[in-house]
PDB file of N, CA and C in Angstrom:
ATOM      1  N   UNK A   1       1.170  -1.286  -0.089  1.00  0.00           N
ATOM      2  CA  UNK A   1      -0.301  -0.153  -0.463  1.00  0.00           C
ATOM      3  C   UNK A   1       0.974   1.429  -0.175  1.00  0.00           C
ATOM      4  N   UNK A   2       0.922   2.480  -0.846  1.00  0.00           N
ATOM      5  CA  UNK A   2       1.418   3.225  -1.457  1.00  0.00           C
ATOM      6  C   UNK A   2       0.997   4.827   0.317  1.00  0.00           C
ATOM      7  N   UNK A   3       1.837   5.102   0.039  1.00  0.00           N
ATOM      8  CA  UNK A   3       1.037   6.650   1.669  1.00  0.00           C
ATOM      9  C   UNK A   3       0.090   7.047   1.108  1.00  0.00           C
ATOM     10  N   UNK A   4       0.028   7.186  -0.486  1.00  0.00           N
ATOM     11  CA  UNK A   4      -1.247   8.002  -0.964  1.00  0.00           C
ATOM     12  C   UNK A   4      -2.543   7.516  -0.677  1.00  0.00           C
ATOM     13  N   UNK A   5      -2.110   5.758  -0.765  1.00  0.00           N
ATOM     14  CA  UNK A   5      -2.953   5.085  -0.955  1.00  0.00           C
ATOM     15  C   UNK A   5      -3.419   5.347   1.006  1.00  0.00           C
ATOM     16  N   UNK A   6      -2.444   4.757   1.406  1.00  0.00           N
ATOM     17  CA  UNK A   6      -3.377   4.827   3.026  1.00  0.00           C
ATOM     18  C   UNK A   6      -3.605   6.584   3.761  1.00  0.00           C
ATOM     19  N   UNK A   7      -3.034   7.898   3.248  1.00  0.00           N
ATOM     20  CA  UNK A   7      -3.601   8.977   2.909  1.00  0.00           C
ATOM     21  C   UNK A   7      -5.340   9.056   2.536  1.00  0.00           C
ATOM     22  N   UNK A   8      -5.264   8.332   1.692  1.00  0.00           N
ATOM     23  CA  UNK A   8      -7.367   8.177   0.933  1.00  0.00           C
ATOM     24  C   UNK A   8      -7.870   7.344   2.350  1.00  0.00           C
ATOM     25  N   UNK A   9      -7.244   6.515   1.960  1.00  0.00           N
ATOM     26  CA  UNK A   9      -8.183   5.338   3.323  1.00  0.00           C
ATOM     27  C   UNK A   9      -8.401   5.687   4.719  1.00  0.00           C
ATOM     28  N   UNK A  10      -7.106   7.442   5.437  1.00  0.00           N
ATOM     29  CA  UNK A  10      -7.179   7.330   6.567  1.00  0.00           C
ATOM     30  C   UNK A  10      -8.437   8.260   5.973  1.00  0.00           C
ATOM     31  N   UNK A  11      -8.190   8.956   4.926  1.00  0.00           N
ATOM     32  CA  UNK A  11      -9.549  10.621   5.550  1.00  0.00           C
ATOM     33  C   UNK A  11     -11.207   9.767   5.206  1.00  0.00           C
ATOM     34  N   UNK A  12     -11.038   8.760   4.372  1.00  0.00           N
ATOM     35  CA  UNK A  12     -12.402   8.566   4.295  1.00  0.00           C
ATOM     36  C   UNK A  12     -12.385   7.768   6.105  1.00  0.00           C
ATOM     37  N   UNK A  13     -11.584   7.445   6.324  1.00  0.00           N
ATOM     38  CA  UNK A  13     -12.567   7.097   7.964  1.00  0.00           C
ATOM     39  C   UNK A  13     -12.204   8.132   8.821  1.00  0.00           C
ATOM     40  N   UNK A  14     -11.447   9.503   8.994  1.00  0.00           N
ATOM     41  CA  UNK A  14     -12.253  10.799   9.024  1.00  0.00           C
ATOM     42  C   UNK A  14     -13.184  11.161   8.886  1.00  0.00           C
ATOM     43  N   UNK A  15     -13.373  10.753   7.805  1.00  0.00           N
ATOM     44  CA  UNK A  15     -14.970  11.550   7.011  1.00  0.00           C
ATOM     45  C   UNK A  15     -16.211  11.252   7.412  1.00  0.00           C
ATOM     46  N   UNK A  16     -16.353   9.836   7.782  1.00  0.00           N
ATOM     47  CA  UNK A  16     -17.143   9.069   8.797  1.00  0.00           C
ATOM     48  C   UNK A  16     -17.363   9.662  10.065  1.00  0.00           C
ATOM     49  N   UNK A  17     -16.342  10.395  10.354  1.00  0.00           N
ATOM     50  CA  UNK A  17     -16.783  10.670  11.876  1.00  0.00           C
ATOM     51  C   UNK A  17     -17.027  12.430  11.391  1.00  0.00           C
ATOM     52  N   UNK A  18     -17.308  13.344  10.887  1.00  0.00           N
ATOM     53  CA  UNK A  18     -16.760  14.324  10.656  1.00  0.00           C
ATOM     54  C   UNK A  18     -17.561  15.157  11.174  1.00  0.00           C
ATOM     55  N   UNK A  19     -19.031  14.113  11.014  1.00  0.00           N
ATOM     56  CA  UNK A  19     -20.855  14.730  11.346  1.00  0.00           C
ATOM     57  C   UNK A  19     -20.408  14.695  12.996  1.00  0.00           C
ATOM     58  N   UNK A  20     -20.341  14.111  13.577  1.00  0.00           N
ATOM     59  CA  UNK A  20     -20.198  13.745  14.965  1.00  0.00           C
ATOM     60  C   UNK A  20     -19.455  15.015  15.826  1.00  0.00           C
ATOM     61  N   UNK A  21     -18.247  14.696  14.853  1.00  0.00           N
ATOM     62  CA  UNK A  21     -17.143  16.082  15.636  1.00  0.00           C
ATOM     63  C   UNK A  21     -18.272  17.517  15.049  1.00  0.00           C
ATOM     64  N   UNK A  22     -18.978  18.049  14.308  1.00  0.00           N
ATOM     65  CA  UNK A  22     -19.728  18.507  13.724  1.00  0.00           C
ATOM     66  C   UNK A  22     -20.259  19.040  14.370  1.00  0.00           C
ATOM     67  N   UNK A  23     -20.869  18.082  15.171  1.00  0.00           N
ATOM     68  CA  UNK A  23     -22.446  18.507  16.070  1.00  0.00           C
ATOM     69  C   UNK A  23     -21.279  18.588  17.795  1.00  0.00           C
ATOM     70  N   UNK A  24     -20.080  17.898  17.619  1.00  0.00           N
ATOM     71  CA  UNK A  24     -19.793  18.524  19.336  1.00  0.00           C
ATOM     72  C   UNK A  24     -19.407  20.162  19.636  1.00  0.00           C
ATOM     73  N   UNK A  25     -18.249  20.234  17.598  1.00  0.00           N
ATOM     74  CA  UNK A  25     -17.808  21.226  18.656  1.00  0.00           C
ATOM     75  C   UNK A  25     -19.048  22.840  18.302  1.00  0.00           C
ATOM     76  N   UNK A  26     -20.423  21.860  17.389  1.00  0.00           N
ATOM     77  CA  UNK A  26     -20.975  23.199  16.883  1.00  0.00           C
ATOM     78  C   UNK A  26     -21.787  23.422  18.884  1.00  0.00           C
ATOM     79  N   UNK A  27     -22.069  22.353  19.276  1.00  0.00           N
ATOM     80  CA  UNK A  27     -22.747  22.100  20.596  1.00  0.00           C
ATOM     81  C   UNK A  27     -22.010  23.459  22.002  1.00  0.00           C
ATOM     82  N   UNK A  28     -20.640  23.338  21.224  1.00  0.00           N
ATOM     83  CA  UNK A  28     -19.554  24.221  22.221  1.00  0.00           C
ATOM     84  C   UNK A  28     -19.100  25.450  21.269  1.00  0.00           C
ATOM     85  N   UNK A  29     -20.740  25.737  20.410  1.00  0.00           N
ATOM     86  CA  UNK A  29     -19.880  27.285  20.576  1.00  0.00           C
ATOM     87  C   UNK A  29     -19.174  27.706  19.179  1.00  0.00           C
ATOM     88  N   UNK A  30     -18.449  26.566  18.676  1.00  0.00           N
ATOM     89  CA  UNK A  30     -17.290  26.040  17.622  1.00  0.00           C
ATOM     90  C   UNK A  30     -18.054  26.086  16.132  1.00  0.00           C
ATOM     91  N   UNK A  31     -18.485  26.554  14.980  1.00  0.00           N
ATOM     92  CA  UNK A  31     -18.708  26.025  13.538  1.00  0.00           C
ATOM     93  C   UNK A  31     -17.023  25.655  13.064  1.00  0.00           C
ATOM     94  N   UNK A  32     -18.034  24.752  12.414  1.00  0.00           N
ATOM     95  CA  UNK A  32     -16.823  23.751  11.647  1.00  0.00           C
ATOM     96  C   UNK A  32     -17.206  24.119  10.595  1.00  0.00           C
ATOM     97  N   UNK A  33     -15.844  24.517  10.122  1.00  0.00           N
ATOM     98  CA  UNK A  33     -15.673  24.976   8.358  1.00  0.00           C
ATOM     99  C   UNK A  33     -14.585  24.241   7.616  1.00  0.00           C
ATOM    100  N   UNK A  34     -15.059  23.944   6.050  1.00  0.00           N
ATOM    101  CA  UNK A  34     -13.656  23.421   5.599  1.00  0.00           C
ATOM    102  C   UNK A  34     -12.332  23.794   5.578  1.00  0.00           C
ATOM    103  N   UNK A  35     -12.335  25.097   5.846  1.00  0.00           N
ATOM    104  CA  UNK A  35     -10.934  26.036   6.110  1.00  0.00           C
ATOM    105  C   UNK A  35     -10.831  25.765   7.576  1.00  0.00           C
ATOM    106  N   UNK A  36     -11.476  25.311   8.509  1.00  0.00           N
ATOM    107  CA  UNK A  36     -10.717  25.227   9.725  1.00  0.00           C
ATOM    108  C   UNK A  36     -10.620  24.236   9.796  1.00  0.00           C
ATOM    109  N   UNK A  37     -11.439  22.886   8.814  1.00  0.00           N
ATOM    110  CA  UNK A  37     -10.780  21.483   9.437  1.00  0.00           C
ATOM    111  C   UNK A  37      -9.693  21.277   9.113  1.00  0.00           C
ATOM    112  N   UNK A  38      -9.269  21.627   7.747  1.00  0.00           N
ATOM    113  CA  UNK A  38      -7.702  20.954   6.820  1.00  0.00           C
ATOM    114  C   UNK A  38      -6.543  21.023   7.606  1.00  0.00           C
ATOM    115  N   UNK A  39      -6.434  21.927   8.970  1.00  0.00           N
ATOM    116  CA  UNK A  39      -5.465  21.578   9.227  1.00  0.00           C
ATOM    117  C   UNK A  39      -5.010  20.474  10.385  1.00  0.00           C
ATOM    118  N   UNK A  40      -5.868  20.203  10.752  1.00  0.00           N
ATOM    119  CA  UNK A  40      -6.478  19.148  11.957  1.00  0.00           C
ATOM    120  C   UNK A  40      -6.908  17.951  10.535  1.00  0.00           C
ATOM    121  N   UNK A  41      -6.828  17.459   9.165  1.00  0.00           N
ATOM    122  CA  UNK A  41      -6.687  16.118   8.520  1.00  0.00           C
ATOM    123  C   UNK A  41      -5.519  16.463   8.476  1.00  0.00           C
ATOM    124  N   UNK A  42      -4.099  17.406   8.472  1.00  0.00           N
ATOM    125  CA  UNK A  42      -2.949  16.531   7.772  1.00  0.00           C
ATOM    126  C   UNK A  42      -2.286  16.184   9.304  1.00  0.00           C
ATOM    127  N   UNK A  43      -2.794  16.566  10.383  1.00  0.00           N
ATOM    128  CA  UNK A  43      -2.564  16.053  12.158  1.00  0.00           C
ATOM    129  C   UNK A  43      -2.929  15.283  12.405  1.00  0.00           C
ATOM    130  N   UNK A  44      -4.874  14.706  12.073  1.00  0.00           N
ATOM    131  CA  UNK A  44      -5.058  13.207  11.803  1.00  0.00           C
ATOM    132  C   UNK A  44      -4.625  12.357  11.094  1.00  0.00           C
ATOM    133  N   UNK A  45      -3.706  12.645   9.709  1.00  0.00           N
ATOM    134  CA  UNK A  45      -2.901  12.344   8.253  1.00  0.00           C
ATOM    135  C   UNK A  45      -1.824  11.650   9.422  1.00  0.00           C
ATOM    136  N   UNK A  46      -1.027  12.291   9.900  1.00  0.00           N
ATOM    137  CA  UNK A  46      -0.062  12.413  11.309  1.00  0.00           C
ATOM    138  C   UNK A  46       0.180  11.228  11.818  1.00  0.00           C
ATOM    139  N   UNK A  47      -0.801  11.732  12.734  1.00  0.00           N
ATOM    140  CA  UNK A  47      -1.665  10.918  13.423  1.00  0.00           C
ATOM    141  C   UNK A  47      -1.229   9.291  13.422  1.00  0.00           C
ATOM    142  N   UNK A  48      -2.238   9.059  12.083  1.00  0.00           N
ATOM    143  CA  UNK A  48      -2.109   7.147  11.297  1.00  0.00           C
ATOM    144  C   UNK A  48      -0.988   6.789  10.943  1.00  0.00           C
ATOM    145  N   UNK A  49      -0.926   7.806  10.132  1.00  0.00           N
ATOM    146  CA  UNK A  49       0.139   7.105   9.027  1.00  0.00           C
ATOM    147  C   UNK A  49       1.429   6.791  10.780  1.00  0.00           C
ATOM    148  N   UNK A  50       2.022   7.296  11.240  1.00  0.00           N
ATOM    149  CA  UNK A  50       2.977   6.809  13.031  1.00  0.00           C
ATOM    150  C   UNK A  50       2.017   5.643  13.229  1.00  0.00           C
ATOM    151  N   UNK A  51       0.780   5.420  13.485  1.00  0.00           N
ATOM    152  CA  UNK A  51       0.168   4.968  14.340  1.00  0.00           C
ATOM    153  C   UNK A  51      -0.039   3.652  12.766  1.00  0.00           C
ATOM    154  N   UNK A  52       0.039   3.695  11.941  1.00  0.00           N
ATOM    155  CA  UNK A  52       0.085   2.864  10.914  1.00  0.00           C
ATOM    156  C   UNK A  52       1.446   1.463  10.825  1.00  0.00           C
ATOM    157  N   UNK A  53       2.389   2.591  11.142  1.00  0.00           N
ATOM    158  CA  UNK A  53       3.902   2.006  10.892  1.00  0.00           C
ATOM    159  C   UNK A  53       4.314   1.156  12.057  1.00  0.00           C
ATOM    160  N   UNK A  54       3.659   2.018  13.366  1.00  0.00           N
ATOM    161  CA  UNK A  54       4.037   1.502  14.394  1.00  0.00           C
ATOM    162  C   UNK A  54       3.385  -0.361  14.377  1.00  0.00           C
ATOM    163  N   UNK A  55       2.184  -0.086  14.083  1.00  0.00           N
ATOM    164  CA  UNK A  55       1.466  -1.578  14.338  1.00  0.00           C
ATOM    165  C   UNK A  55       2.364  -2.643  12.674  1.00  0.00           C
ATOM    166  N   UNK A  56       2.585  -1.803  11.792  1.00  0.00           N
ATOM    167  CA  UNK A  56       3.583  -2.459  11.375  1.00  0.00           C
ATOM    168  C   UNK A  56       4.707  -3.325  11.625  1.00  0.00           C
ATOM    169  N   UNK A  57       5.597  -2.688  12.507  1.00  0.00           N
ATOM    170  CA  UNK A  57       6.380  -2.742  13.434  1.00  0.00           C
ATOM    171  C   UNK A  57       6.151  -3.843  14.126  1.00  0.00           C
ATOM    172  N   UNK A  58       5.395  -4.123  15.092  1.00  0.00           N
ATOM    173  CA  UNK A  58       4.544  -5.014  15.861  1.00  0.00           C
ATOM    174  C   UNK A  58       4.242  -6.385  14.945  1.00  0.00           C
ATOM    175  N   UNK A  59       3.668  -5.591  14.076  1.00  0.00           N
ATOM    176  CA  UNK A  59       3.384  -7.802  13.691  1.00  0.00           C
ATOM    177  C   UNK A  59       4.147  -8.130  13.480  1.00  0.00           C
ATOM    178  N   UNK A  60       5.756  -7.011  13.080  1.00  0.00           N
ATOM    179  CA  UNK A  60       7.511  -8.070  11.783  1.00  0.00           C
ATOM    180  C   UNK A  60       7.996  -8.101  13.207  1.00  0.00           C
ATOM    181  N   UNK A  61       7.554  -8.212  13.960  1.00  0.00           N
ATOM    182  CA  UNK A  61       8.627  -8.674  15.343  1.00  0.00           C
ATOM    183  C   UNK A  61       7.708 -10.120  15.711  1.00  0.00           C
ATOM    184  N   UNK A  62       6.687  -9.913  15.623  1.00  0.00           N
ATOM    185  CA  UNK A  62       6.056 -11.701  16.193  1.00  0.00           C
ATOM    186  C   UNK A  62       6.546 -12.807  15.383  1.00  0.00           C
TER     187      UNK A  62
END
């Protein structure tokens, strides 16, 4: 799986939870827009890539 494939898969996972996040943010008085979410999606992608690599390394140890 290429990095681009992983990134697309991670983004699909994130998009599944966007409505829930949007609802919680709006309840806190924060309006969620695509401009506001972009930096967080980049952080999410970094976190998911690191988690993927950690899981991959763990599976290779066994």
